[in-house]
Protein backbone atom coordinates (compact mmCIF):
# COMPACT_ATOMS: atom_id res chain seq x y z
CA UNK A 1 -3.29 -44.33 -36.23
CA UNK A 2 -2.56 -45.12 -39.90
CA UNK A 3 -0.56 -48.21 -40.82
CA UNK A 4 0.79 -48.72 -44.30
CA UNK A 5 2.12 -51.75 -46.12
CA UNK A 6 2.59 -52.55 -49.77
CA UNK A 7 3.11 -55.45 -52.13
CA UNK A 8 1.92 -57.49 -55.09
CA UNK A 9 -0.37 -59.88 -53.20
CA UNK A 10 -0.51 -62.12 -56.27
CA UNK A 11 -2.15 -65.47 -55.49
CA UNK A 12 -3.36 -64.26 -52.09
CA UNK A 13 -2.29 -66.92 -49.61
CA UNK A 14 -2.16 -67.71 -45.89
CA UNK A 15 1.16 -65.90 -45.56
CA UNK A 16 -0.41 -62.68 -46.84
CA UNK A 17 -3.51 -63.04 -44.66
CA UNK A 18 -1.53 -63.91 -41.52
CA UNK A 19 0.76 -60.90 -42.08
CA UNK A 20 -2.16 -58.50 -42.55
CA UNK A 21 -3.95 -59.92 -39.50
CA UNK A 22 -0.72 -59.60 -37.48
CA UNK A 23 -0.40 -55.94 -38.48
CA UNK A 24 -3.98 -55.18 -37.47
CA UNK A 25 -3.66 -57.03 -34.13
CA UNK A 26 -0.34 -55.43 -33.26
CA UNK A 27 -0.96 -51.88 -34.45
CA UNK A 28 -4.66 -51.03 -34.05
CA UNK A 29 -5.94 -48.38 -36.42
CA UNK A 30 -6.50 -47.95 -40.14
CA UNK A 31 -4.59 -50.43 -42.29
CA UNK A 32 -3.91 -49.14 -45.81
CA UNK A 33 -2.52 -51.59 -48.36
CA UNK A 34 -0.72 -50.22 -51.39
CA UNK A 35 -1.15 -52.77 -54.17
CA UNK A 36 1.16 -53.08 -57.18
CA UNK A 37 -0.66 -52.64 -60.48
CA UNK A 38 -0.50 -55.37 -63.11
CA UNK A 39 2.00 -53.40 -65.17
CA UNK A 40 4.28 -52.67 -62.20
CA UNK A 41 4.33 -56.39 -61.30
CA UNK A 42 5.22 -57.28 -64.89
CA UNK A 43 8.11 -54.78 -64.74
CA UNK A 44 9.30 -56.23 -61.42
CA UNK A 45 8.74 -59.95 -61.93
CA UNK A 46 8.50 -60.48 -65.69
CA UNK A 47 5.75 -60.69 -68.29
CA UNK A 48 4.42 -63.97 -66.86
CA UNK A 49 3.14 -62.15 -63.76
CA UNK A 50 0.78 -61.28 -62.21
CA UNK A 51 -1.30 -64.43 -62.14
CA UNK A 52 -4.36 -62.61 -60.75
CA UNK A 53 -5.34 -59.22 -62.19
CA UNK A 54 -5.21 -56.06 -60.07
CA UNK A 55 -8.98 -55.60 -59.76
CA UNK A 56 -9.43 -59.15 -58.44
CA UNK A 57 -6.44 -58.78 -56.08
CA UNK A 58 -7.88 -55.49 -54.80
CA UNK A 59 -11.29 -57.09 -54.23
CA UNK A 60 -9.77 -60.01 -52.32
CA UNK A 61 -7.73 -57.68 -50.09
CA UNK A 62 -10.73 -55.41 -49.44
CA UNK A 63 -12.69 -58.51 -48.39
CA UNK A 64 -10.29 -59.16 -45.51
CA UNK A 65 -11.45 -57.87 -42.13
CA UNK A 66 -7.97 -56.56 -41.31
CA UNK A 67 -7.75 -54.30 -44.37
CA UNK A 68 -9.40 -50.89 -44.30
CA UNK A 69 -8.32 -49.47 -47.66
CA UNK A 70 -6.52 -50.64 -50.80
CA UNK A 71 -4.82 -48.28 -53.26
CA UNK A 72 -3.42 -49.57 -56.54
CA UNK A 73 -0.15 -47.94 -57.61
CA UNK A 74 1.71 -48.16 -60.91
CA UNK A 75 5.19 -46.94 -60.00
CA UNK A 76 8.15 -49.03 -58.89
CA UNK A 77 8.15 -47.42 -55.45
CA UNK A 78 5.59 -45.87 -53.12
CA UNK A 79 7.53 -42.80 -51.97
CA UNK A 80 4.97 -40.30 -53.36
CA UNK A 81 2.12 -42.17 -51.68
CA UNK A 82 4.02 -42.20 -48.38
CA UNK A 83 4.27 -38.40 -48.67
CA UNK A 84 0.54 -38.10 -49.48
CA UNK A 85 -0.77 -40.55 -46.87
CA UNK A 86 1.65 -39.64 -44.06
CA UNK A 87 1.24 -42.93 -42.19
CA UNK A 88 2.23 -43.36 -38.57
CA UNK A 89 3.68 -46.85 -39.10
CA UNK A 90 5.08 -48.59 -42.18
CA UNK A 91 5.14 -52.38 -41.97
CA UNK A 92 7.09 -54.93 -44.02
CA UNK A 93 7.92 -58.57 -43.40
CA UNK A 94 11.26 -59.58 -41.93
CA UNK A 95 12.59 -60.64 -45.31
CA UNK A 96 13.26 -56.88 -45.62
CA UNK A 97 15.54 -54.76 -43.46
CA UNK A 98 15.97 -51.03 -43.08
CA UNK A 99 18.87 -51.27 -45.54
CA UNK A 100 16.95 -53.27 -48.17
CA UNK A 101 13.85 -51.09 -48.31
CA UNK A 102 13.74 -49.11 -51.56
CA UNK A 103 15.90 -46.01 -50.95
CA UNK A 104 13.27 -43.53 -52.18
CA UNK A 105 10.70 -45.16 -49.91
CA UNK A 106 13.12 -45.13 -46.98
CA UNK A 107 13.81 -41.41 -47.57
CA UNK A 108 10.06 -40.67 -47.65
CA UNK A 109 9.55 -42.63 -44.43
CA UNK A 110 12.33 -40.72 -42.69
CA UNK A 111 11.12 -37.38 -44.09
CA UNK A 112 7.61 -38.07 -42.74
CA UNK A 113 8.88 -39.37 -39.39
CA UNK A 114 7.19 -42.74 -39.95
CA UNK A 115 7.88 -45.60 -37.56
CA UNK A 116 9.17 -48.63 -39.53
CA UNK A 117 8.35 -52.11 -38.26
CA UNK A 118 9.32 -55.54 -39.56
CA UNK A 119 6.97 -58.41 -38.77
CA UNK A 120 7.58 -62.17 -38.79
CA UNK A 121 7.48 -63.82 -42.20
CA UNK A 122 5.14 -66.79 -42.56
CA UNK A 123 7.62 -69.36 -43.89
CA UNK A 124 6.91 -71.53 -46.93
CA UNK A 125 3.69 -69.68 -47.82
CA UNK A 126 4.62 -67.52 -50.78
CA UNK A 127 3.31 -66.96 -54.26
CA UNK A 128 6.61 -68.25 -55.66
CA UNK A 129 6.23 -71.51 -53.71
CA UNK A 130 2.65 -71.93 -54.93
CA UNK A 131 3.70 -71.36 -58.55
CA UNK A 132 6.53 -73.88 -58.10
CA UNK A 133 4.10 -76.50 -56.76
CA UNK A 134 1.72 -75.96 -59.67
CA UNK A 135 4.56 -76.34 -62.18
CA UNK A 136 5.63 -79.59 -60.51
CA UNK A 137 2.12 -80.99 -61.06
CA UNK A 138 2.34 -80.51 -64.83
């Protein structure tokens, strides 16, 4: 079984790790992480991001026992990769819903008959919260 998730994973934190471990525990099989490139993060979040470069983020993710493969992507959605990989399950955290998933991604998931699952969000452990804390220390 192939599971797929995607994200920036900037400032890898306990929320990221817990989510990836949860996916692997709940849906045994190959876990593929699609990782936003540096330039795609800058387009999404502004020129001040990412904090950690894509090669370092990829290395950190590949070092996690739960992660089997990491693919860096440069587009603003992963619809083409969904078509290429043809995963069995696509996993996002519960801060997303079926209606808030990128429409091109949602169409690719439907077209490929991929099961979509939303997993619990690890509250208060986000890159944004970490950046906020660091700024407060200045």
